[in-house]
Amino acid sequence: MKALVVEDDVDIQDIVASVLGRAGYEVLVEDNGDAGLVAALTQQPDLVILDWMMPGLSGVDVCRGMRADPRAQHIPVLLLTSRAQERDIDQAFTAGADDYMVKPFRTRELVSRVTALAAKNVGRVDSDG
C-alpha cells in the first residue's frame, strides 16, 4: 500500500512517514500543495494525507483538484490539520475529503484511520490496465 503525505512541516512529515512506514506502508512525501496534486495524479497512491495550510495549493484545493480528475477522484483523502473549527471541517468534506483529523494527533488513531481508508480503495481497478 502506498500513502502520499503532503505536509510542509518537516517534523510532522517525519512522524507520519515513520508511523505509516512501521505499519507497512510505502510513503511518498511532498512539501507543498502543487507538488502534492501532481504526485496524487501521477503516482496513484492508495490514499493521500493532506495538511490544510501549506505553500502553493491548500490541502482543500488539492482535494478539489483530485476530485475533479478521473485519475485521482477515487483515492481516499484524509485532511490532517490544526484547523478545528466546524466550518473548516464542513469545508473539507464539501471539497471531497473522506476523513479529517486535528493536530496534535494520536499516532495509533492515525494508523487506524489510514488503514480504514486504504481498505476502501483496495478493490479499485486501475484505469491504465
N, C-alpha and C. Protein backbone atom coordinates (compact mmCIF):
# COMPACT_ATOMS: atom_id res chain seq x y z
N MET A 1 0.84 -1.19 0.00
CA MET A 1 0.00 0.00 0.00
C MET A 1 0.89 1.25 0.00
N LYS A 2 0.47 2.19 -0.81
CA LYS A 2 1.26 3.42 -0.96
C LYS A 2 0.46 4.60 -0.43
N ALA A 3 1.07 5.36 0.48
CA ALA A 3 0.45 6.56 1.05
C ALA A 3 1.25 7.78 0.63
N LEU A 4 0.53 8.82 0.21
CA LEU A 4 1.15 10.10 -0.11
C LEU A 4 0.85 11.07 1.02
N VAL A 5 1.89 11.65 1.60
CA VAL A 5 1.76 12.63 2.67
C VAL A 5 2.18 13.98 2.10
N VAL A 6 1.26 14.94 2.14
CA VAL A 6 1.54 16.29 1.64
C VAL A 6 1.48 17.22 2.85
N GLU A 7 2.66 17.61 3.32
CA GLU A 7 2.81 18.34 4.58
C GLU A 7 4.07 19.17 4.51
N ASP A 8 3.98 20.47 4.86
CA ASP A 8 5.15 21.33 4.76
C ASP A 8 6.00 21.34 6.03
N ASP A 9 5.48 20.85 7.14
CA ASP A 9 6.24 20.80 8.39
C ASP A 9 7.07 19.52 8.42
N VAL A 10 8.39 19.66 8.39
CA VAL A 10 9.28 18.51 8.30
C VAL A 10 9.11 17.56 9.49
N ASP A 11 8.89 18.10 10.68
CA ASP A 11 8.71 17.24 11.86
C ASP A 11 7.46 16.37 11.71
N ILE A 12 6.37 16.97 11.25
CA ILE A 12 5.13 16.20 11.05
C ILE A 12 5.33 15.18 9.92
N GLN A 13 5.99 15.60 8.85
CA GLN A 13 6.32 14.66 7.75
C GLN A 13 7.02 13.43 8.32
N ASP A 14 8.05 13.68 9.12
CA ASP A 14 8.86 12.58 9.66
C ASP A 14 8.02 11.65 10.55
N ILE A 15 7.19 12.24 11.41
CA ILE A 15 6.36 11.43 12.31
C ILE A 15 5.39 10.57 11.50
N VAL A 16 4.67 11.19 10.58
CA VAL A 16 3.67 10.46 9.80
C VAL A 16 4.33 9.39 8.94
N ALA A 17 5.43 9.74 8.28
CA ALA A 17 6.13 8.76 7.43
C ALA A 17 6.65 7.60 8.26
N SER A 18 7.20 7.88 9.42
CA SER A 18 7.73 6.83 10.28
C SER A 18 6.63 5.90 10.78
N VAL A 19 5.54 6.48 11.27
CA VAL A 19 4.43 5.69 11.80
C VAL A 19 3.82 4.82 10.69
N LEU A 20 3.59 5.41 9.53
CA LEU A 20 2.99 4.64 8.44
C LEU A 20 3.97 3.61 7.90
N GLY A 21 5.25 3.96 7.85
CA GLY A 21 6.26 3.00 7.41
C GLY A 21 6.29 1.78 8.30
N ARG A 22 6.23 2.00 9.62
CA ARG A 22 6.20 0.88 10.56
C ARG A 22 4.93 0.04 10.41
N ALA A 23 3.85 0.67 9.93
CA ALA A 23 2.59 -0.04 9.72
C ALA A 23 2.56 -0.76 8.37
N GLY A 24 3.67 -0.66 7.62
CA GLY A 24 3.78 -1.41 6.37
C GLY A 24 3.48 -0.64 5.10
N TYR A 25 3.32 0.67 5.20
CA TYR A 25 3.03 1.48 4.01
C TYR A 25 4.31 1.95 3.35
N GLU A 26 4.27 2.03 2.04
CA GLU A 26 5.29 2.75 1.29
C GLU A 26 4.84 4.21 1.34
N VAL A 27 5.70 5.12 1.79
CA VAL A 27 5.29 6.50 1.99
C VAL A 27 6.02 7.43 1.03
N LEU A 28 5.23 8.21 0.31
CA LEU A 28 5.75 9.27 -0.55
C LEU A 28 5.46 10.59 0.17
N VAL A 29 6.38 11.55 0.10
CA VAL A 29 6.20 12.82 0.79
C VAL A 29 6.41 13.98 -0.17
N GLU A 30 5.51 14.94 -0.10
CA GLU A 30 5.66 16.21 -0.81
C GLU A 30 5.46 17.32 0.21
N ASP A 31 6.11 18.48 -0.02
CA ASP A 31 6.05 19.54 0.99
C ASP A 31 5.25 20.77 0.57
N ASN A 32 4.50 20.66 -0.54
CA ASN A 32 3.62 21.77 -0.94
C ASN A 32 2.45 21.22 -1.75
N GLY A 33 1.40 22.01 -1.82
CA GLY A 33 0.18 21.55 -2.47
C GLY A 33 0.30 21.29 -3.95
N ASP A 34 1.07 22.12 -4.64
CA ASP A 34 1.21 21.92 -6.09
C ASP A 34 1.87 20.58 -6.39
N ALA A 35 2.98 20.30 -5.72
CA ALA A 35 3.67 19.02 -5.92
C ALA A 35 2.81 17.86 -5.43
N GLY A 36 2.03 18.09 -4.37
CA GLY A 36 1.15 17.05 -3.85
C GLY A 36 0.09 16.64 -4.86
N LEU A 37 -0.50 17.62 -5.53
CA LEU A 37 -1.53 17.29 -6.53
C LEU A 37 -0.91 16.53 -7.70
N VAL A 38 0.25 16.98 -8.16
CA VAL A 38 0.93 16.26 -9.25
C VAL A 38 1.22 14.81 -8.83
N ALA A 39 1.73 14.62 -7.62
CA ALA A 39 2.04 13.27 -7.14
C ALA A 39 0.78 12.42 -7.03
N ALA A 40 -0.31 13.00 -6.55
CA ALA A 40 -1.57 12.24 -6.44
C ALA A 40 -2.04 11.78 -7.81
N LEU A 41 -1.87 12.64 -8.82
CA LEU A 41 -2.34 12.30 -10.16
C LEU A 41 -1.41 11.32 -10.87
N THR A 42 -0.11 11.40 -10.62
CA THR A 42 0.84 10.58 -11.38
C THR A 42 1.32 9.34 -10.64
N GLN A 43 1.39 9.39 -9.31
CA GLN A 43 1.92 8.26 -8.54
C GLN A 43 0.84 7.25 -8.15
N GLN A 44 -0.42 7.65 -8.26
CA GLN A 44 -1.55 6.79 -7.93
C GLN A 44 -1.41 6.10 -6.57
N PRO A 45 -1.27 6.88 -5.50
CA PRO A 45 -1.19 6.28 -4.17
C PRO A 45 -2.53 5.64 -3.78
N ASP A 46 -2.49 4.80 -2.76
CA ASP A 46 -3.72 4.17 -2.27
C ASP A 46 -4.52 5.13 -1.40
N LEU A 47 -3.84 6.14 -0.85
CA LEU A 47 -4.52 7.19 -0.10
C LEU A 47 -3.60 8.39 0.02
N VAL A 48 -4.22 9.54 0.33
CA VAL A 48 -3.47 10.79 0.45
C VAL A 48 -3.81 11.44 1.79
N ILE A 49 -2.77 11.89 2.48
CA ILE A 49 -2.92 12.65 3.72
C ILE A 49 -2.47 14.07 3.43
N LEU A 50 -3.37 15.03 3.64
CA LEU A 50 -3.10 16.42 3.29
C LEU A 50 -3.13 17.33 4.51
N ASP A 51 -2.14 18.19 4.61
CA ASP A 51 -2.21 19.32 5.52
C ASP A 51 -3.12 20.36 4.84
N TRP A 52 -3.67 21.27 5.59
CA TRP A 52 -4.52 22.30 5.01
C TRP A 52 -3.68 23.49 4.54
N MET A 53 -2.90 24.05 5.47
CA MET A 53 -2.17 25.29 5.18
C MET A 53 -0.72 24.95 4.84
N MET A 54 -0.38 25.18 3.57
CA MET A 54 0.98 24.92 3.10
C MET A 54 1.23 25.74 1.85
N PRO A 55 2.49 25.82 1.41
CA PRO A 55 2.79 26.60 0.22
C PRO A 55 2.07 26.05 -1.01
N GLY A 56 1.79 26.94 -1.95
CA GLY A 56 1.09 26.53 -3.16
C GLY A 56 -0.37 26.31 -2.86
N LEU A 57 -0.92 25.28 -3.44
CA LEU A 57 -2.32 24.94 -3.20
C LEU A 57 -2.53 24.52 -1.75
N SER A 58 -3.67 24.87 -1.19
CA SER A 58 -4.01 24.38 0.15
C SER A 58 -4.43 22.91 0.04
N GLY A 59 -4.48 22.24 1.17
CA GLY A 59 -4.93 20.86 1.18
C GLY A 59 -6.33 20.71 0.62
N VAL A 60 -7.21 21.66 0.93
CA VAL A 60 -8.57 21.62 0.41
C VAL A 60 -8.56 21.78 -1.10
N ASP A 61 -7.70 22.66 -1.62
CA ASP A 61 -7.59 22.84 -3.07
C ASP A 61 -7.03 21.57 -3.74
N VAL A 62 -6.07 20.93 -3.10
CA VAL A 62 -5.55 19.67 -3.65
C VAL A 62 -6.67 18.64 -3.70
N CYS A 63 -7.44 18.56 -2.64
CA CYS A 63 -8.56 17.62 -2.60
C CYS A 63 -9.54 17.90 -3.72
N ARG A 64 -9.89 19.16 -3.92
CA ARG A 64 -10.80 19.53 -5.02
C ARG A 64 -10.21 19.13 -6.37
N GLY A 65 -8.91 19.39 -6.53
CA GLY A 65 -8.25 19.02 -7.79
C GLY A 65 -8.27 17.52 -8.03
N MET A 66 -8.08 16.75 -6.97
CA MET A 66 -8.14 15.29 -7.09
C MET A 66 -9.55 14.84 -7.48
N ARG A 67 -10.55 15.41 -6.86
CA ARG A 67 -11.94 15.01 -7.13
C ARG A 67 -12.37 15.39 -8.53
N ALA A 68 -11.72 16.39 -9.12
CA ALA A 68 -12.06 16.85 -10.47
C ALA A 68 -11.34 16.06 -11.55
N ASP A 69 -10.39 15.21 -11.18
CA ASP A 69 -9.58 14.49 -12.17
C ASP A 69 -9.85 12.99 -12.06
N PRO A 70 -10.25 12.36 -13.18
CA PRO A 70 -10.57 10.93 -13.13
C PRO A 70 -9.41 10.05 -12.65
N ARG A 71 -8.18 10.53 -12.78
CA ARG A 71 -7.03 9.73 -12.32
C ARG A 71 -6.96 9.62 -10.81
N ALA A 72 -7.57 10.58 -10.10
CA ALA A 72 -7.41 10.59 -8.64
C ALA A 72 -8.73 10.71 -7.89
N GLN A 73 -9.85 10.79 -8.59
CA GLN A 73 -11.10 11.05 -7.88
C GLN A 73 -11.51 9.91 -6.95
N HIS A 74 -10.95 8.72 -7.16
CA HIS A 74 -11.28 7.55 -6.33
C HIS A 74 -10.35 7.39 -5.12
N ILE A 75 -9.28 8.16 -5.05
CA ILE A 75 -8.27 7.98 -3.99
C ILE A 75 -8.78 8.60 -2.69
N PRO A 76 -8.83 7.84 -1.61
CA PRO A 76 -9.26 8.39 -0.32
C PRO A 76 -8.33 9.50 0.17
N VAL A 77 -8.93 10.52 0.79
CA VAL A 77 -8.19 11.67 1.29
C VAL A 77 -8.50 11.88 2.77
N LEU A 78 -7.44 12.03 3.54
CA LEU A 78 -7.53 12.39 4.95
C LEU A 78 -6.89 13.75 5.12
N LEU A 79 -7.64 14.73 5.62
CA LEU A 79 -7.05 16.02 5.97
C LEU A 79 -6.54 15.93 7.40
N LEU A 80 -5.27 16.24 7.59
CA LEU A 80 -4.62 16.24 8.90
C LEU A 80 -4.14 17.67 9.14
N THR A 81 -4.85 18.40 10.00
CA THR A 81 -4.63 19.83 10.09
C THR A 81 -4.87 20.37 11.50
N SER A 82 -4.36 21.54 11.75
CA SER A 82 -4.60 22.19 13.04
C SER A 82 -5.91 22.97 13.03
N ARG A 83 -6.55 23.08 11.88
CA ARG A 83 -7.82 23.81 11.78
C ARG A 83 -8.94 22.95 12.35
N ALA A 84 -9.56 23.44 13.42
CA ALA A 84 -10.52 22.62 14.15
C ALA A 84 -11.92 23.23 14.22
N GLN A 85 -12.14 24.33 13.52
CA GLN A 85 -13.47 24.94 13.54
C GLN A 85 -14.45 24.09 12.73
N GLU A 86 -15.70 24.09 13.17
CA GLU A 86 -16.71 23.30 12.47
C GLU A 86 -16.82 23.70 11.00
N ARG A 87 -16.70 24.98 10.69
CA ARG A 87 -16.80 25.42 9.29
C ARG A 87 -15.64 24.89 8.45
N ASP A 88 -14.46 24.73 9.09
CA ASP A 88 -13.31 24.16 8.37
C ASP A 88 -13.57 22.69 8.03
N ILE A 89 -14.09 21.97 9.01
CA ILE A 89 -14.39 20.55 8.80
C ILE A 89 -15.44 20.41 7.70
N ASP A 90 -16.49 21.23 7.76
CA ASP A 90 -17.52 21.19 6.71
C ASP A 90 -16.93 21.49 5.35
N GLN A 91 -16.04 22.48 5.28
CA GLN A 91 -15.43 22.85 4.01
C GLN A 91 -14.60 21.70 3.45
N ALA A 92 -13.88 21.00 4.32
CA ALA A 92 -13.06 19.87 3.87
C ALA A 92 -13.92 18.76 3.29
N PHE A 93 -15.00 18.42 3.99
CA PHE A 93 -15.86 17.35 3.48
C PHE A 93 -16.58 17.78 2.21
N THR A 94 -16.96 19.05 2.11
CA THR A 94 -17.58 19.56 0.89
C THR A 94 -16.62 19.47 -0.29
N ALA A 95 -15.32 19.65 -0.02
CA ALA A 95 -14.30 19.56 -1.07
C ALA A 95 -14.03 18.12 -1.50
N GLY A 96 -14.53 17.15 -0.70
CA GLY A 96 -14.36 15.76 -1.09
C GLY A 96 -13.50 14.93 -0.17
N ALA A 97 -13.08 15.48 0.97
CA ALA A 97 -12.27 14.70 1.92
C ALA A 97 -13.10 13.52 2.45
N ASP A 98 -12.41 12.42 2.70
CA ASP A 98 -13.06 11.23 3.25
C ASP A 98 -12.98 11.18 4.77
N ASP A 99 -11.97 11.85 5.34
CA ASP A 99 -11.80 11.87 6.78
C ASP A 99 -11.04 13.13 7.16
N TYR A 100 -11.05 13.44 8.47
CA TYR A 100 -10.49 14.69 8.96
C TYR A 100 -9.94 14.44 10.35
N MET A 101 -8.69 14.80 10.60
CA MET A 101 -8.09 14.69 11.91
C MET A 101 -7.44 16.02 12.26
N VAL A 102 -7.54 16.38 13.54
CA VAL A 102 -6.97 17.63 14.02
C VAL A 102 -5.64 17.37 14.72
N LYS A 103 -4.66 18.21 14.42
CA LYS A 103 -3.36 18.17 15.11
C LYS A 103 -3.50 18.89 16.45
N PRO A 104 -2.83 18.47 17.48
CA PRO A 104 -1.98 17.29 17.54
C PRO A 104 -2.84 16.03 17.48
N PHE A 105 -2.24 14.93 17.02
CA PHE A 105 -2.99 13.70 16.80
C PHE A 105 -2.30 12.54 17.49
N ARG A 106 -3.06 11.49 17.71
CA ARG A 106 -2.52 10.25 18.27
C ARG A 106 -2.08 9.37 17.11
N THR A 107 -0.88 8.86 17.18
CA THR A 107 -0.35 8.08 16.06
C THR A 107 -1.15 6.80 15.83
N ARG A 108 -1.60 6.15 16.89
CA ARG A 108 -2.42 4.94 16.71
C ARG A 108 -3.72 5.24 15.98
N GLU A 109 -4.33 6.37 16.33
CA GLU A 109 -5.56 6.75 15.66
C GLU A 109 -5.30 7.04 14.19
N LEU A 110 -4.19 7.70 13.90
CA LEU A 110 -3.84 7.97 12.51
C LEU A 110 -3.72 6.67 11.72
N VAL A 111 -2.99 5.71 12.26
CA VAL A 111 -2.82 4.43 11.56
C VAL A 111 -4.17 3.74 11.38
N SER A 112 -5.02 3.77 12.39
CA SER A 112 -6.34 3.14 12.28
C SER A 112 -7.18 3.78 11.18
N ARG A 113 -7.17 5.09 11.14
CA ARG A 113 -7.96 5.79 10.12
C ARG A 113 -7.39 5.57 8.72
N VAL A 114 -6.07 5.60 8.61
CA VAL A 114 -5.43 5.36 7.31
C VAL A 114 -5.75 3.95 6.83
N THR A 115 -5.67 2.98 7.73
CA THR A 115 -5.96 1.59 7.37
C THR A 115 -7.41 1.45 6.89
N ALA A 116 -8.33 2.10 7.57
CA ALA A 116 -9.74 2.05 7.17
C ALA A 116 -9.94 2.69 5.79
N LEU A 117 -9.30 3.83 5.56
CA LEU A 117 -9.42 4.50 4.26
C LEU A 117 -8.80 3.67 3.15
N ALA A 118 -7.63 3.10 3.41
CA ALA A 118 -6.96 2.29 2.39
C ALA A 118 -7.79 1.08 2.04
N ALA A 119 -8.48 0.50 3.02
CA ALA A 119 -9.31 -0.67 2.76
C ALA A 119 -10.44 -0.34 1.78
N LYS A 120 -10.93 0.89 1.81
CA LYS A 120 -11.97 1.31 0.88
C LYS A 120 -11.46 1.32 -0.56
N ASN A 121 -10.16 1.50 -0.71
CA ASN A 121 -9.56 1.68 -2.03
C ASN A 121 -8.99 0.38 -2.60
N VAL A 122 -8.97 -0.69 -1.82
CA VAL A 122 -8.30 -1.92 -2.24
C VAL A 122 -8.92 -2.51 -3.49
N GLY A 123 -10.22 -2.48 -3.61
CA GLY A 123 -10.86 -3.16 -4.73
C GLY A 123 -10.94 -2.37 -6.02
N ARG A 124 -10.36 -1.19 -6.04
CA ARG A 124 -10.48 -0.37 -7.25
C ARG A 124 -9.69 -0.98 -8.41
N VAL A 125 -10.14 -0.66 -9.61
CA VAL A 125 -9.46 -1.14 -10.82
C VAL A 125 -8.70 0.03 -11.43
N ASP A 126 -7.44 -0.16 -11.70
CA ASP A 126 -6.62 0.89 -12.31
C ASP A 126 -7.11 1.14 -13.74
N SER A 127 -7.25 2.39 -14.12
CA SER A 127 -7.72 2.73 -15.45
C SER A 127 -6.69 2.45 -16.53
N ASP A 128 -5.42 2.31 -16.14
CA ASP A 128 -4.38 2.08 -17.14
C ASP A 128 -4.08 0.59 -17.31
N GLY A 129 -4.90 -0.25 -16.71
CA GLY A 129 -4.82 -1.65 -17.01
C GLY A 129 -4.15 -2.45 -16.00
